[in-house]
Amino acid sequence: MSDRLKDLQRQRALAQEQIAWFDREIARETNAAPAPMAVPAAVPAPAPTAVSQSIPQADELIERYAPKGKPVHDQVKRGCLLYFGIAFALVALGILALYLYHRMK
């Protein structure tokens, strides 16, 4: 039996188990008599592949190259608040200058 066939059979068994769960939940929500639990088919364990064996290496690489600084969202938020503060200060200085200019006339 090929690995692909085993994987397809395992996926089918999982899908059948999920459908049985949906049926039980629907029956429970509609207060109907619960459907008898289907006996799940024997799910063969997946064969180890090169991908599953390389997972520790992948986790190590993710930790190694993950960004260490603050998230971009925090930096953008801080920048926007800084620009707003500067713009507000310039407007306030402009109003103060106009007030002082008209007062001296």
PDB file of N, CA and C in Angstrom:
ATOM      1  N   MET A   1       0.854  -1.164   0.000  1.00  0.00           N
ATOM      2  CA  MET A   1       0.000   0.000   0.000  1.00  0.00           C
ATOM      3  C   MET A   1       0.909   1.240   0.000  1.00  0.00           C
ATOM      4  N   SER A   2       0.605   2.174  -0.867  1.00  0.00           N
ATOM      5  CA  SER A   2       1.453   3.357  -0.994  1.00  0.00           C
ATOM      6  C   SER A   2       1.176   4.332   0.161  1.00  0.00           C
ATOM      7  N   ASP A   3       2.132   5.219   0.376  1.00  0.00           N
ATOM      8  CA  ASP A   3       1.983   6.225   1.433  1.00  0.00           C
ATOM      9  C   ASP A   3       0.819   7.162   1.135  1.00  0.00           C
ATOM     10  N   ARG A   4       0.637   7.496  -0.128  1.00  0.00           N
ATOM     11  CA  ARG A   4      -0.463   8.385  -0.505  1.00  0.00           C
ATOM     12  C   ARG A   4      -1.803   7.749  -0.177  1.00  0.00           C
ATOM     13  N   LEU A   5      -1.952   6.464  -0.466  1.00  0.00           N
ATOM     14  CA  LEU A   5      -3.200   5.763  -0.175  1.00  0.00           C
ATOM     15  C   LEU A   5      -3.455   5.738   1.329  1.00  0.00           C
ATOM     16  N   LYS A   6      -2.422   5.471   2.117  1.00  0.00           N
ATOM     17  CA  LYS A   6      -2.573   5.467   3.574  1.00  0.00           C
ATOM     18  C   LYS A   6      -3.000   6.838   4.078  1.00  0.00           C
ATOM     19  N   ASP A   7      -2.386   7.876   3.515  1.00  0.00           N
ATOM     20  CA  ASP A   7      -2.714   9.230   3.935  1.00  0.00           C
ATOM     21  C   ASP A   7      -4.152   9.580   3.559  1.00  0.00           C
ATOM     22  N   LEU A   8      -4.577   9.190   2.370  1.00  0.00           N
ATOM     23  CA  LEU A   8      -5.953   9.451   1.947  1.00  0.00           C
ATOM     24  C   LEU A   8      -6.952   8.715   2.838  1.00  0.00           C
ATOM     25  N   GLN A   9      -6.645   7.476   3.192  1.00  0.00           N
ATOM     26  CA  GLN A   9      -7.538   6.720   4.075  1.00  0.00           C
ATOM     27  C   GLN A   9      -7.613   7.361   5.460  1.00  0.00           C
ATOM     28  N   ARG A  10      -6.482   7.841   5.946  1.00  0.00           N
ATOM     29  CA  ARG A  10      -6.460   8.500   7.249  1.00  0.00           C
ATOM     30  C   ARG A  10      -7.293   9.785   7.205  1.00  0.00           C
ATOM     31  N   GLN A  11      -7.149  10.546   6.124  1.00  0.00           N
ATOM     32  CA  GLN A  11      -7.923  11.782   5.984  1.00  0.00           C
ATOM     33  C   GLN A  11      -9.419  11.488   5.890  1.00  0.00           C
ATOM     34  N   ARG A  12      -9.780  10.414   5.177  1.00  0.00           N
ATOM     35  CA  ARG A  12     -11.189  10.048   5.067  1.00  0.00           C
ATOM     36  C   ARG A  12     -11.754   9.673   6.439  1.00  0.00           C
ATOM     37  N   ALA A  13     -10.990   8.917   7.223  1.00  0.00           N
ATOM     38  CA  ALA A  13     -11.449   8.518   8.558  1.00  0.00           C
ATOM     39  C   ALA A  13     -11.629   9.747   9.443  1.00  0.00           C
ATOM     40  N   LEU A  14     -10.716  10.696   9.333  1.00  0.00           N
ATOM     41  CA  LEU A  14     -10.862  11.921  10.122  1.00  0.00           C
ATOM     42  C   LEU A  14     -12.083  12.728   9.692  1.00  0.00           C
ATOM     43  N   ALA A  15     -12.336  12.786   8.392  1.00  0.00           N
ATOM     44  CA  ALA A  15     -13.507  13.516   7.892  1.00  0.00           C
ATOM     45  C   ALA A  15     -14.792  12.843   8.360  1.00  0.00           C
ATOM     46  N   GLN A  16     -14.835  11.513   8.339  1.00  0.00           N
ATOM     47  CA  GLN A  16     -16.025  10.794   8.804  1.00  0.00           C
ATOM     48  C   GLN A  16     -16.253  11.045  10.298  1.00  0.00           C
ATOM     49  N   GLU A  17     -15.191  11.090  11.047  1.00  0.00           N
ATOM     50  CA  GLU A  17     -15.313  11.361  12.481  1.00  0.00           C
ATOM     51  C   GLU A  17     -15.839  12.780  12.707  1.00  0.00           C
ATOM     52  N   GLN A  18     -15.377  13.731  11.900  1.00  0.00           N
ATOM     53  CA  GLN A  18     -15.852  15.107  12.040  1.00  0.00           C
ATOM     54  C   GLN A  18     -17.332  15.214  11.659  1.00  0.00           C
ATOM     55  N   ILE A  19     -17.745  14.528  10.619  1.00  0.00           N
ATOM     56  CA  ILE A  19     -19.154  14.544  10.220  1.00  0.00           C
ATOM     57  C   ILE A  19     -20.023  13.952  11.323  1.00  0.00           C
ATOM     58  N   ALA A  20     -19.569  12.879  11.952  1.00  0.00           N
ATOM     59  CA  ALA A  20     -20.318  12.289  13.063  1.00  0.00           C
ATOM     60  C   ALA A  20     -20.431  13.293  14.213  1.00  0.00           C
ATOM     61  N   TRP A  21     -19.375  14.052  14.463  1.00  0.00           N
ATOM     62  CA  TRP A  21     -19.423  15.067  15.525  1.00  0.00           C
ATOM     63  C   TRP A  21     -20.439  16.148  15.169  1.00  0.00           C
ATOM     64  N   PHE A  22     -20.438  16.593  13.887  1.00  0.00           N
ATOM     65  CA  PHE A  22     -21.425  17.583  13.452  1.00  0.00           C
ATOM     66  C   PHE A  22     -22.843  17.064  13.672  1.00  0.00           C
ATOM     67  N   ASP A  23     -23.091  15.801  13.318  1.00  0.00           N
ATOM     68  CA  ASP A  23     -24.415  15.217  13.489  1.00  0.00           C
ATOM     69  C   ASP A  23     -24.821  15.205  14.964  1.00  0.00           C
ATOM     70  N   ARG A  24     -23.889  14.855  15.860  1.00  0.00           N
ATOM     71  CA  ARG A  24     -24.210  14.840  17.296  1.00  0.00           C
ATOM     72  C   ARG A  24     -24.510  16.251  17.805  1.00  0.00           C
ATOM     73  N   GLU A  25     -23.739  17.235  17.356  1.00  0.00           N
ATOM     74  CA  GLU A  25     -23.954  18.610  17.804  1.00  0.00           C
ATOM     75  C   GLU A  25     -25.278  19.164  17.291  1.00  0.00           C
ATOM     76  N   ILE A  26     -25.621  18.861  16.047  1.00  0.00           N
ATOM     77  CA  ILE A  26     -26.895  19.309  15.486  1.00  0.00           C
ATOM     78  C   ILE A  26     -28.038  18.671  16.244  1.00  0.00           C
ATOM     79  N   ALA A  27     -27.925  17.387  16.540  1.00  0.00           N
ATOM     80  CA  ALA A  27     -28.967  16.693  17.292  1.00  0.00           C
ATOM     81  C   ALA A  27     -29.105  17.282  18.694  1.00  0.00           C
ATOM     82  N   ARG A  28     -28.005  17.629  19.314  1.00  0.00           N
ATOM     83  CA  ARG A  28     -28.053  18.206  20.658  1.00  0.00           C
ATOM     84  C   ARG A  28     -28.709  19.588  20.636  1.00  0.00           C
ATOM     85  N   GLU A  29     -28.402  20.398  19.621  1.00  0.00           N
ATOM     86  CA  GLU A  29     -28.970  21.745  19.531  1.00  0.00           C
ATOM     87  C   GLU A  29     -30.453  21.715  19.190  1.00  0.00           C
ATOM     88  N   THR A  30     -30.898  20.718  18.456  1.00  0.00           N
ATOM     89  CA  THR A  30     -32.313  20.622  18.104  1.00  0.00           C
ATOM     90  C   THR A  30     -33.082  19.778  19.118  1.00  0.00           C
ATOM     91  N   ASN A  31     -32.426  19.377  20.183  1.00  0.00           N
ATOM     92  CA  ASN A  31     -33.024  18.564  21.246  1.00  0.00           C
ATOM     93  C   ASN A  31     -33.605  17.270  20.705  1.00  0.00           C
ATOM     94  N   ALA A  32     -33.032  16.772  19.658  1.00  0.00           N
ATOM     95  CA  ALA A  32     -33.453  15.495  19.099  1.00  0.00           C
ATOM     96  C   ALA A  32     -32.684  14.388  19.813  1.00  0.00           C
ATOM     97  N   ALA A  33     -33.123  13.182  19.562  1.00  0.00           N
ATOM     98  CA  ALA A  33     -32.417  12.048  20.153  1.00  0.00           C
ATOM     99  C   ALA A  33     -31.025  12.004  19.558  1.00  0.00           C
ATOM    100  N   PRO A  34     -30.019  11.843  20.405  1.00  0.00           N
ATOM    101  CA  PRO A  34     -28.668  11.827  19.867  1.00  0.00           C
ATOM    102  C   PRO A  34     -28.434  10.630  18.958  1.00  0.00           C
ATOM    103  N   ALA A  35     -27.745  10.912  17.883  1.00  0.00           N
ATOM    104  CA  ALA A  35     -27.416   9.836  16.948  1.00  0.00           C
ATOM    105  C   ALA A  35     -26.397   8.915  17.611  1.00  0.00           C
ATOM    106  N   PRO A  36     -26.485   7.650  17.312  1.00  0.00           N
ATOM    107  CA  PRO A  36     -25.513   6.738  17.913  1.00  0.00           C
ATOM    108  C   PRO A  36     -24.110   7.109  17.446  1.00  0.00           C
ATOM    109  N   MET A  37     -23.189   6.991  18.379  1.00  0.00           N
ATOM    110  CA  MET A  37     -21.809   7.330  18.032  1.00  0.00           C
ATOM    111  C   MET A  37     -21.254   6.285  17.094  1.00  0.00           C
ATOM    112  N   ALA A  38     -20.735   6.765  16.011  1.00  0.00           N
ATOM    113  CA  ALA A  38     -20.114   5.853  15.061  1.00  0.00           C
ATOM    114  C   ALA A  38     -18.761   5.447  15.613  1.00  0.00           C
ATOM    115  N   VAL A  39     -18.448   4.223  15.402  1.00  0.00           N
ATOM    116  CA  VAL A  39     -17.147   3.737  15.845  1.00  0.00           C
ATOM    117  C   VAL A  39     -16.122   4.259  14.853  1.00  0.00           C
ATOM    118  N   PRO A  40     -15.185   5.055  15.327  1.00  0.00           N
ATOM    119  CA  PRO A  40     -14.219   5.601  14.376  1.00  0.00           C
ATOM    120  C   PRO A  40     -13.364   4.497  13.777  1.00  0.00           C
ATOM    121  N   ALA A  41     -13.119   4.657  12.511  1.00  0.00           N
ATOM    122  CA  ALA A  41     -12.276   3.678  11.826  1.00  0.00           C
ATOM    123  C   ALA A  41     -10.866   3.790  12.368  1.00  0.00           C
ATOM    124  N   ALA A  42     -10.166   2.705  12.289  1.00  0.00           N
ATOM    125  CA  ALA A  42      -8.794   2.713  12.771  1.00  0.00           C
ATOM    126  C   ALA A  42      -7.987   3.671  11.910  1.00  0.00           C
ATOM    127  N   VAL A  43      -7.430   4.652  12.551  1.00  0.00           N
ATOM    128  CA  VAL A  43      -6.654   5.651  11.842  1.00  0.00           C
ATOM    129  C   VAL A  43      -5.194   5.233  11.880  1.00  0.00           C
ATOM    130  N   PRO A  44      -4.647   4.905  10.724  1.00  0.00           N
ATOM    131  CA  PRO A  44      -3.240   4.513  10.737  1.00  0.00           C
ATOM    132  C   PRO A  44      -2.366   5.723  11.042  1.00  0.00           C
ATOM    133  N   ALA A  45      -1.341   5.495  11.792  1.00  0.00           N
ATOM    134  CA  ALA A  45      -0.421   6.581  12.136  1.00  0.00           C
ATOM    135  C   ALA A  45       0.314   7.015  10.887  1.00  0.00           C
ATOM    136  N   PRO A  46       0.468   8.309  10.710  1.00  0.00           N
ATOM    137  CA  PRO A  46       1.170   8.769   9.510  1.00  0.00           C
ATOM    138  C   PRO A  46       2.637   8.349   9.548  1.00  0.00           C
ATOM    139  N   ALA A  47       3.114   8.011   8.399  1.00  0.00           N
ATOM    140  CA  ALA A  47       4.511   7.595   8.306  1.00  0.00           C
ATOM    141  C   ALA A  47       5.403   8.814   8.468  1.00  0.00           C
ATOM    142  N   PRO A  48       6.504   8.679   9.181  1.00  0.00           N
ATOM    143  CA  PRO A  48       7.388   9.835   9.320  1.00  0.00           C
ATOM    144  C   PRO A  48       7.956  10.238   7.967  1.00  0.00           C
ATOM    145  N   THR A  49       7.955  11.514   7.736  1.00  0.00           N
ATOM    146  CA  THR A  49       8.470  12.024   6.470  1.00  0.00           C
ATOM    147  C   THR A  49       9.631  12.949   6.750  1.00  0.00           C
ATOM    148  N   ALA A  50      10.238  13.378   5.697  1.00  0.00           N
ATOM    149  CA  ALA A  50      11.371  14.295   5.841  1.00  0.00           C
ATOM    150  C   ALA A  50      10.920  15.617   6.442  1.00  0.00           C
ATOM    151  N   VAL A  51       9.674  16.010   6.151  1.00  0.00           N
ATOM    152  CA  VAL A  51       9.161  17.273   6.682  1.00  0.00           C
ATOM    153  C   VAL A  51       9.010  17.187   8.197  1.00  0.00           C
ATOM    154  N   SER A  52       8.421  16.094   8.701  1.00  0.00           N
ATOM    155  CA  SER A  52       8.220  15.986  10.137  1.00  0.00           C
ATOM    156  C   SER A  52       9.544  15.849  10.885  1.00  0.00           C
ATOM    157  N   GLN A  53      10.568  15.333  10.222  1.00  0.00           N
ATOM    158  CA  GLN A  53      11.852  15.207  10.880  1.00  0.00           C
ATOM    159  C   GLN A  53      12.606  16.530  10.906  1.00  0.00           C
ATOM    160  N   SER A  54      12.248  17.453  10.024  1.00  0.00           N
ATOM    161  CA  SER A  54      12.956  18.726   9.964  1.00  0.00           C
ATOM    162  C   SER A  54      12.282  19.811  10.794  1.00  0.00           C
ATOM    163  N   ILE A  55      11.218  19.492  11.506  1.00  0.00           N
ATOM    164  CA  ILE A  55      10.503  20.495  12.300  1.00  0.00           C
ATOM    165  C   ILE A  55      11.384  21.123  13.373  1.00  0.00           C
ATOM    166  N   PRO A  56      12.177  20.386  14.131  1.00  0.00           N
ATOM    167  CA  PRO A  56      13.034  21.059  15.112  1.00  0.00           C
ATOM    168  C   PRO A  56      13.971  22.073  14.466  1.00  0.00           C
ATOM    169  N   GLN A  57      14.473  21.764  13.295  1.00  0.00           N
ATOM    170  CA  GLN A  57      15.342  22.705  12.605  1.00  0.00           C
ATOM    171  C   GLN A  57      14.560  23.947  12.195  1.00  0.00           C
ATOM    172  N   ALA A  58      13.331  23.763  11.760  1.00  0.00           N
ATOM    173  CA  ALA A  58      12.510  24.897  11.352  1.00  0.00           C
ATOM    174  C   ALA A  58      12.231  25.805  12.545  1.00  0.00           C
ATOM    175  N   ASP A  59      11.894  25.219  13.693  1.00  0.00           N
ATOM    176  CA  ASP A  59      11.648  26.030  14.881  1.00  0.00           C
ATOM    177  C   ASP A  59      12.894  26.813  15.281  1.00  0.00           C
ATOM    178  N   GLU A  60      14.035  26.166  15.166  1.00  0.00           N
ATOM    179  CA  GLU A  60      15.293  26.839  15.504  1.00  0.00           C
ATOM    180  C   GLU A  60      15.547  28.010  14.557  1.00  0.00           C
ATOM    181  N   LEU A  61      15.273  27.820  13.276  1.00  0.00           N
ATOM    182  CA  LEU A  61      15.473  28.891  12.306  1.00  0.00           C
ATOM    183  C   LEU A  61      14.502  30.045  12.540  1.00  0.00           C
ATOM    184  N   ILE A  62      13.259  29.729  12.878  1.00  0.00           N
ATOM    185  CA  ILE A  62      12.274  30.778  13.147  1.00  0.00           C
ATOM    186  C   ILE A  62      12.712  31.615  14.334  1.00  0.00           C
ATOM    187  N   GLU A  63      13.157  30.971  15.398  1.00  0.00           N
ATOM    188  CA  GLU A  63      13.620  31.714  16.573  1.00  0.00           C
ATOM    189  C   GLU A  63      14.871  32.532  16.254  1.00  0.00           C
ATOM    190  N   ARG A  64      15.725  31.982  15.413  1.00  0.00           N
ATOM    191  CA  ARG A  64      16.981  32.666  15.103  1.00  0.00           C
ATOM    192  C   ARG A  64      16.752  33.928  14.273  1.00  0.00           C
ATOM    193  N   TYR A  65      15.840  33.873  13.314  1.00  0.00           N
ATOM    194  CA  TYR A  65      15.643  34.993  12.406  1.00  0.00           C
ATOM    195  C   TYR A  65      14.391  35.813  12.704  1.00  0.00           C
ATOM    196  N   ALA A  66      13.710  35.530  13.779  1.00  0.00           N
ATOM    197  CA  ALA A  66      12.526  36.313  14.145  1.00  0.00           C
ATOM    198  C   ALA A  66      12.956  37.724  14.531  1.00  0.00           C
ATOM    199  N   PRO A  67      12.127  38.714  14.208  1.00  0.00           N
ATOM    200  CA  PRO A  67      12.496  40.089  14.568  1.00  0.00           C
ATOM    201  C   PRO A  67      12.554  40.248  16.083  1.00  0.00           C
ATOM    202  N   LYS A  68      13.589  40.924  16.547  1.00  0.00           N
ATOM    203  CA  LYS A  68      13.796  41.067  17.988  1.00  0.00           C
ATOM    204  C   LYS A  68      13.232  42.389  18.520  1.00  0.00           C
ATOM    205  N   GLY A  69      13.075  43.385  17.667  1.00  0.00           N
ATOM    206  CA  GLY A  69      12.633  44.706  18.104  1.00  0.00           C
ATOM    207  C   GLY A  69      11.131  44.776  18.323  1.00  0.00           C
ATOM    208  N   LYS A  70      10.685  46.020  18.508  1.00  0.00           N
ATOM    209  CA  LYS A  70       9.258  46.249  18.696  1.00  0.00           C
ATOM    210  C   LYS A  70       8.522  45.975  17.387  1.00  0.00           C
ATOM    211  N   PRO A  71       7.269  45.593  17.475  1.00  0.00           N
ATOM    212  CA  PRO A  71       6.484  45.392  16.254  1.00  0.00           C
ATOM    213  C   PRO A  71       6.333  46.699  15.482  1.00  0.00           C
ATOM    214  N   VAL A  72       6.167  46.584  14.187  1.00  0.00           N
ATOM    215  CA  VAL A  72       6.037  47.752  13.322  1.00  0.00           C
ATOM    216  C   VAL A  72       4.828  48.583  13.741  1.00  0.00           C
ATOM    217  N   HIS A  73       3.769  47.929  14.180  1.00  0.00           N
ATOM    218  CA  HIS A  73       2.558  48.635  14.594  1.00  0.00           C
ATOM    219  C   HIS A  73       2.866  49.650  15.690  1.00  0.00           C
ATOM    220  N   ASP A  74       3.673  49.266  16.663  1.00  0.00           N
ATOM    221  CA  ASP A  74       4.021  50.177  17.750  1.00  0.00           C
ATOM    222  C   ASP A  74       4.860  51.341  17.252  1.00  0.00           C
ATOM    223  N   GLN A  75       5.774  51.066  16.325  1.00  0.00           N
ATOM    224  CA  GLN A  75       6.613  52.130  15.791  1.00  0.00           C
ATOM    225  C   GLN A  75       5.791  53.125  14.979  1.00  0.00           C
ATOM    226  N   VAL A  76       4.856  52.640  14.180  1.00  0.00           N
ATOM    227  CA  VAL A  76       4.006  53.519  13.378  1.00  0.00           C
ATOM    228  C   VAL A  76       3.120  54.358  14.286  1.00  0.00           C
ATOM    229  N   LYS A  77       2.567  53.739  15.303  1.00  0.00           N
ATOM    230  CA  LYS A  77       1.699  54.470  16.233  1.00  0.00           C
ATOM    231  C   LYS A  77       2.481  55.593  16.911  1.00  0.00           C
ATOM    232  N   ARG A  78       3.684  55.298  17.346  1.00  0.00           N
ATOM    233  CA  ARG A  78       4.508  56.307  18.005  1.00  0.00           C
ATOM    234  C   ARG A  78       4.842  57.434  17.029  1.00  0.00           C
ATOM    235  N   GLY A  79       5.155  57.096  15.784  1.00  0.00           N
ATOM    236  CA  GLY A  79       5.466  58.101  14.778  1.00  0.00           C
ATOM    237  C   GLY A  79       4.284  59.009  14.487  1.00  0.00           C
ATOM    238  N   CYS A  80       3.098  58.427  14.388  1.00  0.00           N
ATOM    239  CA  CYS A  80       1.896  59.231  14.132  1.00  0.00           C
ATOM    240  C   CYS A  80       1.636  60.183  15.294  1.00  0.00           C
ATOM    241  N   LEU A  81       1.783  59.693  16.506  1.00  0.00           N
ATOM    242  CA  LEU A  81       1.575  60.564  17.663  1.00  0.00           C
ATOM    243  C   LEU A  81       2.617  61.673  17.711  1.00  0.00           C
ATOM    244  N   LEU A  82       3.843  61.369  17.322  1.00  0.00           N
ATOM    245  CA  LEU A  82       4.891  62.381  17.284  1.00  0.00           C
ATOM    246  C   LEU A  82       4.567  63.452  16.249  1.00  0.00           C
ATOM    247  N   TYR A  83       4.169  63.057  15.049  1.00  0.00           N
ATOM    248  CA  TYR A  83       3.787  64.031  14.023  1.00  0.00           C
ATOM    249  C   TYR A  83       2.589  64.865  14.458  1.00  0.00           C
ATOM    250  N   PHE A  84       1.618  64.253  15.091  1.00  0.00           N
ATOM    251  CA  PHE A  84       0.457  64.993  15.582  1.00  0.00           C
ATOM    252  C   PHE A  84       0.883  66.030  16.614  1.00  0.00           C
ATOM    253  N   GLY A  85       1.755  65.646  17.525  1.00  0.00           N
ATOM    254  CA  GLY A  85       2.235  66.588  18.548  1.00  0.00           C
ATOM    255  C   GLY A  85       2.983  67.751  17.938  1.00  0.00           C
ATOM    256  N   ILE A  86       3.835  67.475  16.951  1.00  0.00           N
ATOM    257  CA  ILE A  86       4.580  68.550  16.290  1.00  0.00           C
ATOM    258  C   ILE A  86       3.625  69.471  15.536  1.00  0.00           C
ATOM    259  N   ALA A  87       2.678  68.915  14.805  1.00  0.00           N
ATOM    260  CA  ALA A  87       1.714  69.734  14.069  1.00  0.00           C
ATOM    261  C   ALA A  87       0.883  70.584  15.034  1.00  0.00           C
ATOM    262  N   PHE A  88       0.453  69.997  16.136  1.00  0.00           N
ATOM    263  CA  PHE A  88      -0.329  70.745  17.129  1.00  0.00           C
ATOM    264  C   PHE A  88       0.497  71.890  17.709  1.00  0.00           C
ATOM    265  N   ALA A  89       1.764  71.634  17.995  1.00  0.00           N
ATOM    266  CA  ALA A  89       2.640  72.679  18.540  1.00  0.00           C
ATOM    267  C   ALA A  89       2.841  73.791  17.517  1.00  0.00           C
ATOM    268  N   LEU A  90       3.012  73.467  16.251  1.00  0.00           N
ATOM    269  CA  LEU A  90       3.173  74.495  15.220  1.00  0.00           C
ATOM    270  C   LEU A  90       1.918  75.339  15.063  1.00  0.00           C
ATOM    271  N   VAL A  91       0.767  74.708  15.103  1.00  0.00           N
ATOM    272  CA  VAL A  91      -0.491  75.466  15.020  1.00  0.00           C
ATOM    273  C   VAL A  91      -0.625  76.381  16.228  1.00  0.00           C
ATOM    274  N   ALA A  92      -0.296  75.874  17.403  1.00  0.00           N
ATOM    275  CA  ALA A  92      -0.380  76.700  18.614  1.00  0.00           C
ATOM    276  C   ALA A  92       0.592  77.876  18.529  1.00  0.00           C
ATOM    277  N   LEU A  93       1.799  77.650  18.050  1.00  0.00           N
ATOM    278  CA  LEU A  93       2.765  78.745  17.887  1.00  0.00           C
ATOM    279  C   LEU A  93       2.282  79.758  16.855  1.00  0.00           C
ATOM    280  N   GLY A  94       1.673  79.302  15.788  1.00  0.00           N
ATOM    281  CA  GLY A  94       1.122  80.207  14.779  1.00  0.00           C
ATOM    282  C   GLY A  94       0.014  81.078  15.346  1.00  0.00           C
ATOM    283  N   ILE A  95      -0.870  80.474  16.116  1.00  0.00           N
ATOM    284  CA  ILE A  95      -1.953  81.243  16.739  1.00  0.00           C
ATOM    285  C   ILE A  95      -1.380  82.250  17.730  1.00  0.00           C
ATOM    286  N   LEU A  96      -0.396  81.833  18.514  1.00  0.00           N
ATOM    287  CA  LEU A  96       0.245  82.737  19.467  1.00  0.00           C
ATOM    288  C   LEU A  96       0.928  83.891  18.743  1.00  0.00           C
ATOM    289  N   ALA A  97       1.601  83.605  17.633  1.00  0.00           N
ATOM    290  CA  ALA A  97       2.271  84.662  16.866  1.00  0.00           C
ATOM    291  C   ALA A  97       1.255  85.646  16.300  1.00  0.00           C
ATOM    292  N   LEU A  98       0.147  85.142  15.783  1.00  0.00           N
ATOM    293  CA  LEU A  98      -0.897  86.046  15.263  1.00  0.00           C
ATOM    294  C   LEU A  98      -1.486  86.893  16.387  1.00  0.00           C
ATOM    295  N   TYR A  99      -1.711  86.296  17.515  1.00  0.00           N
ATOM    296  CA  TYR A  99      -2.256  87.038  18.650  1.00  0.00           C
ATOM    297  C   TYR A  99      -1.299  88.149  19.070  1.00  0.00           C
ATOM    298  N   LEU A 100      -0.031  87.824  19.205  1.00  0.00           N
ATOM    299  CA  LEU A 100       0.949  88.825  19.617  1.00  0.00           C
ATOM    300  C   LEU A 100       1.127  89.902  18.550  1.00  0.00           C
ATOM    301  N   TYR A 101       1.061  89.550  17.290  1.00  0.00           N
ATOM    302  CA  TYR A 101       1.198  90.503  16.195  1.00  0.00           C
ATOM    303  C   TYR A 101       0.050  91.517  16.231  1.00  0.00           C
ATOM    304  N   HIS A 102      -1.188  91.017  16.387  1.00  0.00           N
ATOM    305  CA  HIS A 102      -2.342  91.918  16.420  1.00  0.00           C
ATOM    306  C   HIS A 102      -2.404  92.719  17.711  1.00  0.00           C
ATOM    307  N   ARG A 103      -1.856  92.218  18.757  1.00  0.00           N
ATOM    308  CA  ARG A 103      -1.876  92.919  20.040  1.00  0.00           C
ATOM    309  C   ARG A 103      -0.906  94.099  20.011  1.00  0.00           C
ATOM    310  N   MET A 104       0.203  93.939  19.310  1.00  0.00           N
ATOM    311  CA  MET A 104       1.201  94.994  19.261  1.00  0.00           C
ATOM    312  C   MET A 104       0.789  96.130  18.324  1.00  0.00           C
ATOM    313  N   LYS A 105      -0.109  95.947  17.446  1.00  0.00           N
ATOM    314  CA  LYS A 105      -0.533  96.981  16.524  1.00  0.00           C
ATOM    315  C   LYS A 105      -1.218  98.104  17.213  1.00  0.00           C
TER     316      LYS A 105
END
